[in-house]
Each structure stands twice: as structure tokens, then as C-alpha cells.
Amino acid sequence: MYSAYAMTCIIIAGLLEPVWVITLKKSESFHRPLWGVATVIFAIASPFCMSLSLSEIPVGTAYAIWTGIGAVCTIIVGRLLFSEGICRRQLLFLTMIIFGVVGLSLTGSGA
């Protein structure tokens, strides 16, 4: 099992993923400068937070957790903010991602 610090860093990193994606959409291809600046800040902050967990979490595991959290949250936010559709099959696969992320988080270092 990983420390609370490492898990907090990777969770924050994953939660920052949809933030920069939303600001990117709001920037309208960087034609809205303030949203563009926010995009750059969050796009740097997310991998930075992930990097803080890499002293303890193996890179492959950290990346899988990071992108899994980011993907699930981005789809949820897209549905809530932009009324993007989601079908039952997509929900099934999102559930599989969630179980995979939880499983990777619980297995620790594999020792």
C-alpha cells in the first residue's frame, strides 16, 4: 500500500486533468487568452503533482492511475457541463477503468 501523501498527489493530479481539458475547450483554441493561460497552468500542474508521487509509486502504475482518474472525471464533466452523451457500453467500460484504478491503488508496490 502506498502512503497517503503519494496517493493524495496522484489523486490531485488526476483531478486536474479534466480541469485543463475544460479550460482548453473554454479557450476556443487559445483565442480566449485568460482561458488559454489557465489551460497552460493546469496542464503543467497535473503532471507536476503526478511527479511528486513517483518516488513511491512505480511510473507505470502512477500513469495508469493518473490517466484513469483523468479519463473518468473528464467524461463525467463533459456529460454534466457540455451535455455530452454516454451510452451503457461506455458506462461499462468506465466502470472497468474505475475498478482497474482502485485495484492498482490497493495492490501497492506488488511486494
PDB file of N, CA and C in Angstrom:
ATOM      1  N   MET A   1       0.847  -1.183   0.000  1.00  0.00           N
ATOM      2  CA  MET A   1       0.000   0.000   0.000  1.00  0.00           C
ATOM      3  C   MET A   1       0.889   1.242   0.000  1.00  0.00           C
ATOM      4  N   TYR A   2       0.445   2.245  -0.747  1.00  0.00           N
ATOM      5  CA  TYR A   2       1.221   3.472  -0.856  1.00  0.00           C
ATOM      6  C   TYR A   2       0.840   4.439   0.263  1.00  0.00           C
ATOM      7  N   SER A   3       1.713   5.397   0.520  1.00  0.00           N
ATOM      8  CA  SER A   3       1.451   6.360   1.589  1.00  0.00           C
ATOM      9  C   SER A   3       0.312   7.297   1.200  1.00  0.00           C
ATOM     10  N   ALA A   4      -0.248   7.940   2.213  1.00  0.00           N
ATOM     11  CA  ALA A   4      -1.327   8.902   1.980  1.00  0.00           C
ATOM     12  C   ALA A   4      -0.827  10.061   1.127  1.00  0.00           C
ATOM     13  N   TYR A   5       0.414  10.468   1.328  1.00  0.00           N
ATOM     14  CA  TYR A   5       0.988  11.570   0.550  1.00  0.00           C
ATOM     15  C   TYR A   5       1.036  11.221  -0.935  1.00  0.00           C
ATOM     16  N   ALA A   6       1.563  10.050  -1.262  1.00  0.00           N
ATOM     17  CA  ALA A   6       1.679   9.637  -2.661  1.00  0.00           C
ATOM     18  C   ALA A   6       0.308   9.505  -3.297  1.00  0.00           C
ATOM     19  N   MET A   7      -0.639   8.918  -2.582  1.00  0.00           N
ATOM     20  CA  MET A   7      -1.982   8.747  -3.122  1.00  0.00           C
ATOM     21  C   MET A   7      -2.689  10.090  -3.280  1.00  0.00           C
ATOM     22  N   THR A   8      -2.489  11.004  -2.339  1.00  0.00           N
ATOM     23  CA  THR A   8      -3.088  12.330  -2.452  1.00  0.00           C
ATOM     24  C   THR A   8      -2.551  13.054  -3.673  1.00  0.00           C
ATOM     25  N   CYS A   9      -1.238  12.972  -3.885  1.00  0.00           N
ATOM     26  CA  CYS A   9      -0.617  13.628  -5.044  1.00  0.00           C
ATOM     27  C   CYS A   9      -1.172  13.079  -6.347  1.00  0.00           C
ATOM     28  N   ILE A  10      -1.302  11.772  -6.449  1.00  0.00           N
ATOM     29  CA  ILE A  10      -1.762  11.181  -7.705  1.00  0.00           C
ATOM     30  C   ILE A  10      -3.251  11.452  -7.926  1.00  0.00           C
ATOM     31  N   ILE A  11      -4.031  11.499  -6.865  1.00  0.00           N
ATOM     32  CA  ILE A  11      -5.451  11.815  -6.999  1.00  0.00           C
ATOM     33  C   ILE A  11      -5.635  13.270  -7.429  1.00  0.00           C
ATOM     34  N   ILE A  12      -4.896  14.178  -6.811  1.00  0.00           N
ATOM     35  CA  ILE A  12      -4.967  15.590  -7.216  1.00  0.00           C
ATOM     36  C   ILE A  12      -4.547  15.727  -8.675  1.00  0.00           C
ATOM     37  N   ALA A  13      -3.489  15.036  -9.061  1.00  0.00           N
ATOM     38  CA  ALA A  13      -3.027  15.084 -10.452  1.00  0.00           C
ATOM     39  C   ALA A  13      -4.125  14.613 -11.397  1.00  0.00           C
ATOM     40  N   GLY A  14      -4.783  13.526 -11.051  1.00  0.00           N
ATOM     41  CA  GLY A  14      -5.864  13.007 -11.885  1.00  0.00           C
ATOM     42  C   GLY A  14      -7.048  13.948 -11.952  1.00  0.00           C
ATOM     43  N   LEU A  15      -7.361  14.594 -10.841  1.00  0.00           N
ATOM     44  CA  LEU A  15      -8.484  15.535 -10.820  1.00  0.00           C
ATOM     45  C   LEU A  15      -8.172  16.819 -11.591  1.00  0.00           C
ATOM     46  N   LEU A  16      -6.900  17.151 -11.724  1.00  0.00           N
ATOM     47  CA  LEU A  16      -6.515  18.329 -12.504  1.00  0.00           C
ATOM     48  C   LEU A  16      -6.611  18.086 -14.004  1.00  0.00           C
ATOM     49  N   GLU A  17      -6.617  16.822 -14.417  1.00  0.00           N
ATOM     50  CA  GLU A  17      -6.719  16.508 -15.842  1.00  0.00           C
ATOM     51  C   GLU A  17      -7.983  17.098 -16.478  1.00  0.00           C
ATOM     52  N   PRO A  18      -9.172  16.826 -15.942  1.00  0.00           N
ATOM     53  CA  PRO A  18     -10.350  17.416 -16.578  1.00  0.00           C
ATOM     54  C   PRO A  18     -10.384  18.941 -16.475  1.00  0.00           C
ATOM     55  N   VAL A  19      -9.723  19.487 -15.459  1.00  0.00           N
ATOM     56  CA  VAL A  19      -9.704  20.949 -15.319  1.00  0.00           C
ATOM     57  C   VAL A  19      -9.006  21.585 -16.513  1.00  0.00           C
ATOM     58  N   TRP A  20      -7.824  21.047 -16.872  1.00  0.00           N
ATOM     59  CA  TRP A  20      -7.140  21.674 -18.008  1.00  0.00           C
ATOM     60  C   TRP A  20      -7.837  21.370 -19.328  1.00  0.00           C
ATOM     61  N   VAL A  21      -8.510  20.230 -19.413  1.00  0.00           N
ATOM     62  CA  VAL A  21      -9.252  19.924 -20.635  1.00  0.00           C
ATOM     63  C   VAL A  21     -10.446  20.882 -20.781  1.00  0.00           C
ATOM     64  N   ILE A  22     -11.128  21.166 -19.689  1.00  0.00           N
ATOM     65  CA  ILE A  22     -12.251  22.104 -19.729  1.00  0.00           C
ATOM     66  C   ILE A  22     -11.763  23.510 -20.084  1.00  0.00           C
ATOM     67  N   THR A  23     -10.662  23.936 -19.457  1.00  0.00           N
ATOM     68  CA  THR A  23     -10.144  25.271 -19.778  1.00  0.00           C
ATOM     69  C   THR A  23      -9.675  25.331 -21.227  1.00  0.00           C
ATOM     70  N   LEU A  24      -9.165  24.217 -21.744  1.00  0.00           N
ATOM     71  CA  LEU A  24      -8.775  24.171 -23.152  1.00  0.00           C
ATOM     72  C   LEU A  24      -9.993  24.374 -24.049  1.00  0.00           C
ATOM     73  N   LYS A  25     -11.080  23.696 -23.725  1.00  0.00           N
ATOM     74  CA  LYS A  25     -12.316  23.866 -24.504  1.00  0.00           C
ATOM     75  C   LYS A  25     -12.806  25.305 -24.409  1.00  0.00           C
ATOM     76  N   LYS A  26     -12.774  25.863 -23.203  1.00  0.00           N
ATOM     77  CA  LYS A  26     -13.223  27.241 -22.990  1.00  0.00           C
ATOM     78  C   LYS A  26     -12.312  28.256 -23.691  1.00  0.00           C
ATOM     79  N   SER A  27     -11.055  27.889 -23.910  1.00  0.00           N
ATOM     80  CA  SER A  27     -10.122  28.822 -24.548  1.00  0.00           C
ATOM     81  C   SER A  27     -10.401  28.998 -26.036  1.00  0.00           C
ATOM     82  N   GLU A  28     -11.248  28.113 -26.583  1.00  0.00           N
ATOM     83  CA  GLU A  28     -11.581  28.158 -28.009  1.00  0.00           C
ATOM     84  C   GLU A  28     -10.308  28.208 -28.858  1.00  0.00           C
ATOM     85  N   SER A  29      -9.517  27.146 -28.719  1.00  0.00           N
ATOM     86  CA  SER A  29      -8.236  27.013 -29.436  1.00  0.00           C
ATOM     87  C   SER A  29      -7.297  28.174 -29.129  1.00  0.00           C
ATOM     88  N   PHE A  30      -7.271  28.580 -27.873  1.00  0.00           N
ATOM     89  CA  PHE A  30      -6.395  29.642 -27.370  1.00  0.00           C
ATOM     90  C   PHE A  30      -6.734  31.018 -27.948  1.00  0.00           C
ATOM     91  N   HIS A  31      -7.967  31.201 -28.416  1.00  0.00           N
ATOM     92  CA  HIS A  31      -8.406  32.516 -28.882  1.00  0.00           C
ATOM     93  C   HIS A  31      -8.908  33.374 -27.728  1.00  0.00           C
ATOM     94  N   ARG A  32      -9.147  32.766 -26.581  1.00  0.00           N
ATOM     95  CA  ARG A  32      -9.529  33.491 -25.365  1.00  0.00           C
ATOM     96  C   ARG A  32      -8.348  33.382 -24.408  1.00  0.00           C
ATOM     97  N   PRO A  33      -7.532  34.435 -24.332  1.00  0.00           N
ATOM     98  CA  PRO A  33      -6.237  34.366 -23.645  1.00  0.00           C
ATOM     99  C   PRO A  33      -6.280  33.930 -22.181  1.00  0.00           C
ATOM    100  N   LEU A  34      -7.236  34.408 -21.396  1.00  0.00           N
ATOM    101  CA  LEU A  34      -7.259  34.026 -19.979  1.00  0.00           C
ATOM    102  C   LEU A  34      -7.516  32.533 -19.807  1.00  0.00           C
ATOM    103  N   TRP A  35      -8.431  31.994 -20.613  1.00  0.00           N
ATOM    104  CA  TRP A  35      -8.666  30.550 -20.569  1.00  0.00           C
ATOM    105  C   TRP A  35      -7.435  29.794 -21.067  1.00  0.00           C
ATOM    106  N   GLY A  36      -6.747  30.354 -22.043  1.00  0.00           N
ATOM    107  CA  GLY A  36      -5.516  29.736 -22.549  1.00  0.00           C
ATOM    108  C   GLY A  36      -4.437  29.678 -21.488  1.00  0.00           C
ATOM    109  N   VAL A  37      -4.286  30.769 -20.734  1.00  0.00           N
ATOM    110  CA  VAL A  37      -3.302  30.797 -19.644  1.00  0.00           C
ATOM    111  C   VAL A  37      -3.677  29.768 -18.576  1.00  0.00           C
ATOM    112  N   ALA A  38      -4.963  29.712 -18.246  1.00  0.00           N
ATOM    113  CA  ALA A  38      -5.420  28.715 -17.263  1.00  0.00           C
ATOM    114  C   ALA A  38      -5.123  27.304 -17.753  1.00  0.00           C
ATOM    115  N   THR A  39      -5.306  27.064 -19.038  1.00  0.00           N
ATOM    116  CA  THR A  39      -5.015  25.748 -19.616  1.00  0.00           C
ATOM    117  C   THR A  39      -3.555  25.380 -19.404  1.00  0.00           C
ATOM    118  N   VAL A  40      -2.665  26.296 -19.715  1.00  0.00           N
ATOM    119  CA  VAL A  40      -1.228  26.029 -19.564  1.00  0.00           C
ATOM    120  C   VAL A  40      -0.882  25.758 -18.103  1.00  0.00           C
ATOM    121  N   ILE A  41      -1.426  26.554 -17.197  1.00  0.00           N
ATOM    122  CA  ILE A  41      -1.134  26.377 -15.765  1.00  0.00           C
ATOM    123  C   ILE A  41      -1.581  24.989 -15.295  1.00  0.00           C
ATOM    124  N   PHE A  42      -2.824  24.619 -15.617  1.00  0.00           N
ATOM    125  CA  PHE A  42      -3.331  23.321 -15.160  1.00  0.00           C
ATOM    126  C   PHE A  42      -2.673  22.153 -15.888  1.00  0.00           C
ATOM    127  N   ALA A  43      -2.303  22.373 -17.158  1.00  0.00           N
ATOM    128  CA  ALA A  43      -1.623  21.311 -17.916  1.00  0.00           C
ATOM    129  C   ALA A  43      -0.222  21.059 -17.370  1.00  0.00           C
ATOM    130  N   ILE A  44       0.366  22.033 -16.717  1.00  0.00           N
ATOM    131  CA  ILE A  44       1.664  21.846 -16.059  1.00  0.00           C
ATOM    132  C   ILE A  44       1.468  21.286 -14.654  1.00  0.00           C
ATOM    133  N   ALA A  45       0.445  21.775 -13.955  1.00  0.00           N
ATOM    134  CA  ALA A  45       0.206  21.355 -12.569  1.00  0.00           C
ATOM    135  C   ALA A  45      -0.129  19.875 -12.457  1.00  0.00           C
ATOM    136  N   SER A  46      -0.886  19.346 -13.414  1.00  0.00           N
ATOM    137  CA  SER A  46      -1.303  17.948 -13.337  1.00  0.00           C
ATOM    138  C   SER A  46      -0.116  16.981 -13.365  1.00  0.00           C
ATOM    139  N   PRO A  47       0.758  17.028 -14.378  1.00  0.00           N
ATOM    140  CA  PRO A  47       1.900  16.110 -14.347  1.00  0.00           C
ATOM    141  C   PRO A  47       2.888  16.424 -13.224  1.00  0.00           C
ATOM    142  N   PHE A  48       2.953  17.692 -12.808  1.00  0.00           N
ATOM    143  CA  PHE A  48       3.821  18.020 -11.677  1.00  0.00           C
ATOM    144  C   PHE A  48       3.353  17.281 -10.426  1.00  0.00           C
ATOM    145  N   CYS A  49       2.042  17.316 -10.166  1.00  0.00           N
ATOM    146  CA  CYS A  49       1.513  16.596  -9.000  1.00  0.00           C
ATOM    147  C   CYS A  49       1.756  15.099  -9.124  1.00  0.00           C
ATOM    148  N   MET A  50       1.615  14.575 -10.354  1.00  0.00           N
ATOM    149  CA  MET A  50       1.900  13.156 -10.535  1.00  0.00           C
ATOM    150  C   MET A  50       3.363  12.868 -10.220  1.00  0.00           C
ATOM    151  N   SER A  51       4.257  13.758 -10.630  1.00  0.00           N
ATOM    152  CA  SER A  51       5.686  13.529 -10.413  1.00  0.00           C
ATOM    153  C   SER A  51       6.029  13.422  -8.935  1.00  0.00           C
ATOM    154  N   LEU A  52       5.260  14.103  -8.097  1.00  0.00           N
ATOM    155  CA  LEU A  52       5.513  14.043  -6.657  1.00  0.00           C
ATOM    156  C   LEU A  52       5.263  12.648  -6.083  1.00  0.00           C
ATOM    157  N   SER A  53       4.431  11.873  -6.755  1.00  0.00           N
ATOM    158  CA  SER A  53       4.125  10.530  -6.267  1.00  0.00           C
ATOM    159  C   SER A  53       5.118   9.485  -6.770  1.00  0.00           C
ATOM    160  N   LEU A  54       5.944   9.857  -7.760  1.00  0.00           N
ATOM    161  CA  LEU A  54       6.800   8.862  -8.414  1.00  0.00           C
ATOM    162  C   LEU A  54       7.958   8.354  -7.551  1.00  0.00           C
ATOM    163  N   SER A  55       8.241   9.017  -6.441  1.00  0.00           N
ATOM    164  CA  SER A  55       9.287   8.489  -5.561  1.00  0.00           C
ATOM    165  C   SER A  55       8.814   7.223  -4.860  1.00  0.00           C
ATOM    166  N   GLU A  56       7.512   7.014  -4.852  1.00  0.00           N
ATOM    167  CA  GLU A  56       6.956   5.863  -4.146  1.00  0.00           C
ATOM    168  C   GLU A  56       6.156   4.919  -5.049  1.00  0.00           C
ATOM    169  N   ILE A  57       5.447   5.485  -6.007  1.00  0.00           N
ATOM    170  CA  ILE A  57       4.596   4.680  -6.884  1.00  0.00           C
ATOM    171  C   ILE A  57       5.350   4.417  -8.188  1.00  0.00           C
ATOM    172  N   PRO A  58       5.409   3.176  -8.643  1.00  0.00           N
ATOM    173  CA  PRO A  58       6.076   2.889  -9.917  1.00  0.00           C
ATOM    174  C   PRO A  58       5.450   3.695 -11.055  1.00  0.00           C
ATOM    175  N   VAL A  59       6.269   4.097 -12.012  1.00  0.00           N
ATOM    176  CA  VAL A  59       5.814   5.006 -13.063  1.00  0.00           C
ATOM    177  C   VAL A  59       4.632   4.455 -13.856  1.00  0.00           C
ATOM    178  N   GLY A  60       4.630   3.188 -14.181  1.00  0.00           N
ATOM    179  CA  GLY A  60       3.525   2.607 -14.934  1.00  0.00           C
ATOM    180  C   GLY A  60       2.224   2.629 -14.148  1.00  0.00           C
ATOM    181  N   THR A  61       2.310   2.302 -12.882  1.00  0.00           N
ATOM    182  CA  THR A  61       1.134   2.319 -12.016  1.00  0.00           C
ATOM    183  C   THR A  61       0.630   3.743 -11.837  1.00  0.00           C
ATOM    184  N   ALA A  62       1.544   4.680 -11.582  1.00  0.00           N
ATOM    185  CA  ALA A  62       1.159   6.084 -11.398  1.00  0.00           C
ATOM    186  C   ALA A  62       0.489   6.628 -12.652  1.00  0.00           C
ATOM    187  N   TYR A  63       1.057   6.304 -13.804  1.00  0.00           N
ATOM    188  CA  TYR A  63       0.487   6.794 -15.057  1.00  0.00           C
ATOM    189  C   TYR A  63      -0.904   6.228 -15.290  1.00  0.00           C
ATOM    190  N   ALA A  64      -1.077   4.944 -15.014  1.00  0.00           N
ATOM    191  CA  ALA A  64      -2.389   4.310 -15.194  1.00  0.00           C
ATOM    192  C   ALA A  64      -3.430   4.928 -14.259  1.00  0.00           C
ATOM    193  N   ILE A  65      -3.053   5.161 -13.022  1.00  0.00           N
ATOM    194  CA  ILE A  65      -3.978   5.778 -12.062  1.00  0.00           C
ATOM    195  C   ILE A  65      -4.303   7.204 -12.502  1.00  0.00           C
ATOM    196  N   TRP A  66      -3.275   7.953 -12.874  1.00  0.00           N
ATOM    197  CA  TRP A  66      -3.430   9.351 -13.286  1.00  0.00           C
ATOM    198  C   TRP A  66      -4.373   9.471 -14.481  1.00  0.00           C
ATOM    199  N   THR A  67      -4.102   8.701 -15.519  1.00  0.00           N
ATOM    200  CA  THR A  67      -4.931   8.805 -16.717  1.00  0.00           C
ATOM    201  C   THR A  67      -6.323   8.209 -16.495  1.00  0.00           C
ATOM    202  N   GLY A  68      -6.409   7.188 -15.655  1.00  0.00           N
ATOM    203  CA  GLY A  68      -7.720   6.602 -15.358  1.00  0.00           C
ATOM    204  C   GLY A  68      -8.626   7.593 -14.650  1.00  0.00           C
ATOM    205  N   ILE A  69      -8.103   8.233 -13.614  1.00  0.00           N
ATOM    206  CA  ILE A  69      -8.884   9.250 -12.902  1.00  0.00           C
ATOM    207  C   ILE A  69      -9.234  10.385 -13.854  1.00  0.00           C
ATOM    208  N   GLY A  70      -8.254  10.822 -14.627  1.00  0.00           N
ATOM    209  CA  GLY A  70      -8.488  11.914 -15.571  1.00  0.00           C
ATOM    210  C   GLY A  70      -9.544  11.586 -16.607  1.00  0.00           C
ATOM    211  N   ALA A  71      -9.481  10.387 -17.152  1.00  0.00           N
ATOM    212  CA  ALA A  71     -10.437   9.986 -18.188  1.00  0.00           C
ATOM    213  C   ALA A  71     -11.857   9.904 -17.635  1.00  0.00           C
ATOM    214  N   VAL A  72     -12.012   9.251 -16.498  1.00  0.00           N
ATOM    215  CA  VAL A  72     -13.341   9.093 -15.908  1.00  0.00           C
ATOM    216  C   VAL A  72     -13.922  10.459 -15.543  1.00  0.00           C
ATOM    217  N   CYS A  73     -13.119  11.296 -14.898  1.00  0.00           N
ATOM    218  CA  CYS A  73     -13.612  12.616 -14.491  1.00  0.00           C
ATOM    219  C   CYS A  73     -13.919  13.499 -15.697  1.00  0.00           C
ATOM    220  N   THR A  74     -13.112  13.408 -16.741  1.00  0.00           N
ATOM    221  CA  THR A  74     -13.350  14.222 -17.932  1.00  0.00           C
ATOM    222  C   THR A  74     -14.657  13.817 -18.605  1.00  0.00           C
ATOM    223  N   ILE A  75     -14.934  12.530 -18.666  1.00  0.00           N
ATOM    224  CA  ILE A  75     -16.196  12.073 -19.261  1.00  0.00           C
ATOM    225  C   ILE A  75     -17.383  12.529 -18.418  1.00  0.00           C
ATOM    226  N   ILE A  76     -17.262  12.439 -17.108  1.00  0.00           N
ATOM    227  CA  ILE A  76     -18.340  12.888 -16.220  1.00  0.00           C
ATOM    228  C   ILE A  76     -18.572  14.388 -16.377  1.00  0.00           C
ATOM    229  N   VAL A  77     -17.495  15.163 -16.393  1.00  0.00           N
ATOM    230  CA  VAL A  77     -17.614  16.615 -16.544  1.00  0.00           C
ATOM    231  C   VAL A  77     -18.186  16.962 -17.912  1.00  0.00           C
ATOM    232  N   GLY A  78     -17.764  16.266 -18.947  1.00  0.00           N
ATOM    233  CA  GLY A  78     -18.309  16.503 -20.277  1.00  0.00           C
ATOM    234  C   GLY A  78     -19.803  16.275 -20.310  1.00  0.00           C
ATOM    235  N   ARG A  79     -20.236  15.265 -19.615  1.00  0.00           N
ATOM    236  CA  ARG A  79     -21.673  14.966 -19.536  1.00  0.00           C
ATOM    237  C   ARG A  79     -22.410  16.060 -18.770  1.00  0.00           C
ATOM    238  N   LEU A  80     -21.854  16.482 -17.635  1.00  0.00           N
ATOM    239  CA  LEU A  80     -22.535  17.459 -16.782  1.00  0.00           C
ATOM    240  C   LEU A  80     -22.509  18.875 -17.345  1.00  0.00           C
ATOM    241  N   LEU A  81     -21.364  19.308 -17.859  1.00  0.00           N
ATOM    242  CA  LEU A  81     -21.219  20.693 -18.311  1.00  0.00           C
ATOM    243  C   LEU A  81     -21.578  20.909 -19.775  1.00  0.00           C
ATOM    244  N   PHE A  82     -21.319  19.918 -20.603  1.00  0.00           N
ATOM    245  CA  PHE A  82     -21.487  20.108 -22.038  1.00  0.00           C
ATOM    246  C   PHE A  82     -22.559  19.206 -22.639  1.00  0.00           C
ATOM    247  N   SER A  83     -23.309  18.517 -21.785  1.00  0.00           N
ATOM    248  CA  SER A  83     -24.402  17.633 -22.213  1.00  0.00           C
ATOM    249  C   SER A  83     -23.952  16.604 -23.244  1.00  0.00           C
ATOM    250  N   GLU A  84     -22.730  16.118 -23.098  1.00  0.00           N
ATOM    251  CA  GLU A  84     -22.229  15.084 -23.999  1.00  0.00           C
ATOM    252  C   GLU A  84     -22.867  13.752 -23.617  1.00  0.00           C
ATOM    253  N   GLY A  85     -23.214  12.979 -24.611  1.00  0.00           N
ATOM    254  CA  GLY A  85     -23.903  11.714 -24.377  1.00  0.00           C
ATOM    255  C   GLY A  85     -22.973  10.626 -23.863  1.00  0.00           C
ATOM    256  N   ILE A  86     -23.588   9.643 -23.225  1.00  0.00           N
ATOM    257  CA  ILE A  86     -22.855   8.459 -22.759  1.00  0.00           C
ATOM    258  C   ILE A  86     -23.833   7.286 -22.798  1.00  0.00           C
ATOM    259  N   CYS A  87     -23.390   6.187 -23.400  1.00  0.00           N
ATOM    260  CA  CYS A  87     -24.271   5.024 -23.521  1.00  0.00           C
ATOM    261  C   CYS A  87     -23.909   3.967 -22.474  1.00  0.00           C
ATOM    262  N   ARG A  88     -24.693   2.925 -22.416  1.00  0.00           N
ATOM    263  CA  ARG A  88     -24.482   1.874 -21.417  1.00  0.00           C
ATOM    264  C   ARG A  88     -23.136   1.177 -21.583  1.00  0.00           C
ATOM    265  N   ARG A  89     -22.724   0.965 -22.816  1.00  0.00           N
ATOM    266  CA  ARG A  89     -21.418   0.317 -23.037  1.00  0.00           C
ATOM    267  C   ARG A  89     -20.292   1.192 -22.516  1.00  0.00           C
ATOM    268  N   GLN A  90     -20.412   2.494 -22.729  1.00  0.00           N
ATOM    269  CA  GLN A  90     -19.396   3.398 -22.209  1.00  0.00           C
ATOM    270  C   GLN A  90     -19.377   3.362 -20.682  1.00  0.00           C
ATOM    271  N   LEU A  91     -20.548   3.298 -20.065  1.00  0.00           N
ATOM    272  CA  LEU A  91     -20.609   3.180 -18.602  1.00  0.00           C
ATOM    273  C   LEU A  91     -19.944   1.897 -18.123  1.00  0.00           C
ATOM    274  N   LEU A  92     -20.142   0.815 -18.859  1.00  0.00           N
ATOM    275  CA  LEU A  92     -19.491  -0.449 -18.521  1.00  0.00           C
ATOM    276  C   LEU A  92     -17.976  -0.291 -18.536  1.00  0.00           C
ATOM    277  N   PHE A  93     -17.453   0.318 -19.597  1.00  0.00           N
ATOM    278  CA  PHE A  93     -16.006   0.465 -19.702  1.00  0.00           C
ATOM    279  C   PHE A  93     -15.457   1.473 -18.696  1.00  0.00           C
ATOM    280  N   LEU A  94     -16.227   2.502 -18.389  1.00  0.00           N
ATOM    281  CA  LEU A  94     -15.815   3.432 -17.330  1.00  0.00           C
ATOM    282  C   LEU A  94     -15.728   2.707 -15.992  1.00  0.00           C
ATOM    283  N   THR A  95     -16.692   1.830 -15.745  1.00  0.00           N
ATOM    284  CA  THR A  95     -16.670   1.035 -14.514  1.00  0.00           C
ATOM    285  C   THR A  95     -15.422   0.159 -14.468  1.00  0.00           C
ATOM    286  N   MET A  96     -15.051  -0.410 -15.609  1.00  0.00           N
ATOM    287  CA  MET A  96     -13.839  -1.233 -15.662  1.00  0.00           C
ATOM    288  C   MET A  96     -12.598  -0.393 -15.363  1.00  0.00           C
ATOM    289  N   ILE A  97     -12.556   0.837 -15.876  1.00  0.00           N
ATOM    290  CA  ILE A  97     -11.427   1.725 -15.587  1.00  0.00           C
ATOM    291  C   ILE A  97     -11.362   2.007 -14.096  1.00  0.00           C
ATOM    292  N   ILE A  98     -12.520   2.294 -13.495  1.00  0.00           N
ATOM    293  CA  ILE A  98     -12.556   2.592 -12.061  1.00  0.00           C
ATOM    294  C   ILE A  98     -12.048   1.408 -11.253  1.00  0.00           C
ATOM    295  N   PHE A  99     -12.515   0.201 -11.574  1.00  0.00           N
ATOM    296  CA  PHE A  99     -12.037  -0.984 -10.858  1.00  0.00           C
ATOM    297  C   PHE A  99     -10.537  -1.177 -11.063  1.00  0.00           C
ATOM    298  N   GLY A 100     -10.049  -0.905 -12.270  1.00  0.00           N
ATOM    299  CA  GLY A 100      -8.620  -1.024 -12.534  1.00  0.00           C
ATOM    300  C   GLY A 100      -7.798  -0.040 -11.723  1.00  0.00           C
ATOM    301  N   VAL A 101      -8.257   1.200 -11.651  1.00  0.00           N
ATOM    302  CA  VAL A 101      -7.545   2.226 -10.876  1.00  0.00           C
ATOM    303  C   VAL A 101      -7.544   1.875  -9.386  1.00  0.00           C
ATOM    304  N   VAL A 102      -8.696   1.460  -8.890  1.00  0.00           N
ATOM    305  CA  VAL A 102      -8.774   1.064  -7.481  1.00  0.00           C
ATOM    306  C   VAL A 102      -7.877  -0.141  -7.221  1.00  0.00           C
ATOM    307  N   GLY A 103      -7.903  -1.113  -8.109  1.00  0.00           N
ATOM    308  CA  GLY A 103      -7.053  -2.298  -7.955  1.00  0.00           C
ATOM    309  C   GLY A 103      -5.582  -1.951  -7.950  1.00  0.00           C
ATOM    310  N   LEU A 104      -5.160  -1.102  -8.879  1.00  0.00           N
ATOM    311  CA  LEU A 104      -3.752  -0.676  -8.911  1.00  0.00           C
ATOM    312  C   LEU A 104      -3.370   0.066  -7.641  1.00  0.00           C
ATOM    313  N   SER A 105      -4.282   0.884  -7.146  1.00  0.00           N
ATOM    314  CA  SER A 105      -4.000   1.645  -5.937  1.00  0.00           C
ATOM    315  C   SER A 105      -3.873   0.741  -4.714  1.00  0.00           C
ATOM    316  N   LEU A 106      -4.694  -0.295  -4.661  1.00  0.00           N
ATOM    317  CA  LEU A 106      -4.702  -1.183  -3.488  1.00  0.00           C
ATOM    318  C   LEU A 106      -3.580  -2.210  -3.497  1.00  0.00           C
ATOM    319  N   THR A 107      -3.048  -2.521  -4.652  1.00  0.00           N
ATOM    320  CA  THR A 107      -2.031  -3.564  -4.706  1.00  0.00           C
ATOM    321  C   THR A 107      -0.666  -3.095  -4.227  1.00  0.00           C
ATOM    322  N   GLY A 108      -0.518  -1.794  -4.041  1.00  0.00           N
ATOM    323  CA  GLY A 108       0.748  -1.286  -3.517  1.00  0.00           C
ATOM    324  C   GLY A 108       1.891  -1.548  -4.452  1.00  0.00           C
ATOM    325  N   SER A 109       3.033  -1.811  -3.895  1.00  0.00           N
ATOM    326  CA  SER A 109       4.254  -1.991  -4.690  1.00  0.00           C
ATOM    327  C   SER A 109       4.376  -3.376  -5.273  1.00  0.00           C
ATOM    328  N   GLY A 110       3.419  -4.215  -5.023  1.00  0.00           N
ATOM    329  CA  GLY A 110       3.469  -5.581  -5.550  1.00  0.00           C
ATOM    330  C   GLY A 110       4.304  -6.519  -4.704  1.00  0.00           C
ATOM    331  N   ALA A 111       4.742  -6.058  -3.569  1.00  0.00           N
ATOM    332  CA  ALA A 111       5.581  -6.885  -2.699  1.00  0.00           C
ATOM    333  C   ALA A 111       4.736  -7.774  -1.816  1.00  0.00           C
TER     334      ALA A 111
END
